[in-house]
Protein backbone atom coordinates (compact mmCIF):
# COMPACT_ATOMS: atom_id res chain seq x y z
CA MET A 1 20.46 8.27 21.59
CA MET A 2 17.90 5.81 22.68
CA LYS A 3 15.97 4.82 19.31
CA ARG A 4 11.83 4.91 19.75
CA LYS A 5 10.06 1.79 20.17
CA THR A 6 7.01 0.89 17.38
CA ARG A 7 4.25 -0.18 18.07
CA CYS A 8 1.22 -0.80 16.19
CA ALA A 9 -2.25 -2.55 15.86
CA SER A 10 -4.60 -3.19 13.12
CA TRP A 11 -7.50 -5.25 12.39
CA ILE A 12 -7.82 -9.16 11.12
CA ALA A 13 -10.43 -10.12 8.22
CA SER A 14 -10.76 -13.79 6.86
CA LYS A 15 -13.06 -15.42 4.23
CA ALA A 16 -12.31 -18.33 2.21
CA SER A 17 -14.33 -21.41 0.20
CA GLY A 18 -12.80 -23.99 -0.87
CA ARG A 19 -14.32 -28.15 -2.04
CA VAL A 20 -13.22 -31.32 -0.38
CA TYR A 21 -11.63 -33.71 -2.75
CA TYR A 22 -11.78 -37.59 -1.63
CA ASN A 23 -11.80 -40.77 -4.13
CA ARG A 24 -14.47 -42.10 -2.87
CA GLU A 25 -16.87 -38.77 -2.26
CA SER A 26 -18.28 -37.17 -5.67
CA SER A 27 -19.99 -33.99 -3.50
CA ASN A 28 -19.34 -30.46 -4.97
CA LYS A 29 -20.64 -28.59 -2.25
CA TRP A 30 -18.43 -25.60 -1.60
CA HIS A 31 -17.47 -25.32 2.00
CA LYS A 32 -17.59 -21.37 3.37
CA GLY A 33 -15.31 -19.73 6.62
CA TYR A 34 -14.79 -16.17 7.71
CA GLY A 35 -13.30 -15.24 10.47
CA ALA A 36 -11.77 -11.72 11.92
CA GLY A 37 -9.48 -10.41 14.87
CA LEU A 38 -6.21 -8.32 15.39
CA TRP A 39 -2.78 -8.13 16.04
CA PHE A 40 -0.58 -6.44 17.94
CA ALA A 41 3.31 -5.44 17.57
CA TRP A 42 5.64 -4.30 19.87
CA LEU A 43 8.56 -2.51 19.58
CA ASP A 44 8.84 -3.28 15.97
CA ARG A 45 6.47 -5.18 13.29
CA ALA A 46 8.36 -8.63 13.57
CA ASN A 47 7.70 -8.95 17.36
CA THR A 48 3.87 -9.70 16.90
CA LEU A 49 0.54 -11.35 18.94
CA SER A 50 -3.09 -11.84 17.23
CA VAL A 51 -5.51 -12.92 18.27
CA SER A 52 -8.72 -14.63 16.54
CA TYR A 53 -11.60 -15.73 16.10
CA ALA A 54 -12.68 -17.80 13.17
CA ARG A 55 -15.84 -20.15 12.29
CA SER A 56 -17.45 -22.88 9.42
CA GLU A 57 -20.06 -25.00 8.63
CA GLY A 58 -20.40 -26.85 12.27
CA HIS A 59 -17.10 -25.22 13.19
CA ASN A 60 -15.60 -21.90 15.90
CA GLY A 61 -12.54 -21.52 16.33
CA ILE A 62 -10.32 -19.22 18.67
CA TYR A 63 -6.85 -18.48 17.70
CA ALA A 64 -3.76 -17.18 19.23
CA ARG A 65 -0.22 -16.76 17.83
CA ALA A 66 2.40 -14.49 19.38
CA GLY A 67 6.05 -14.72 17.18
CA PHE A 68 9.27 -13.65 16.30
CA ALA A 69 9.85 -12.95 12.06
CA PHE A 70 12.72 -13.67 11.11
């Protein structure tokens, strides 16, 4: 008997903030970033593909990842 393939998908949301610590700088500024994306698993949840977009102060990025969890 063949096992049925399992597929699932979901949204990814992220938000982060942090301060940069540097010996020669005395800034108290907090930097913020956020992003969103999608992930998709085929066969089972160990086989995943994700695509996301992230934005911070002056920086934007698109990230793609495929992997097998062990």
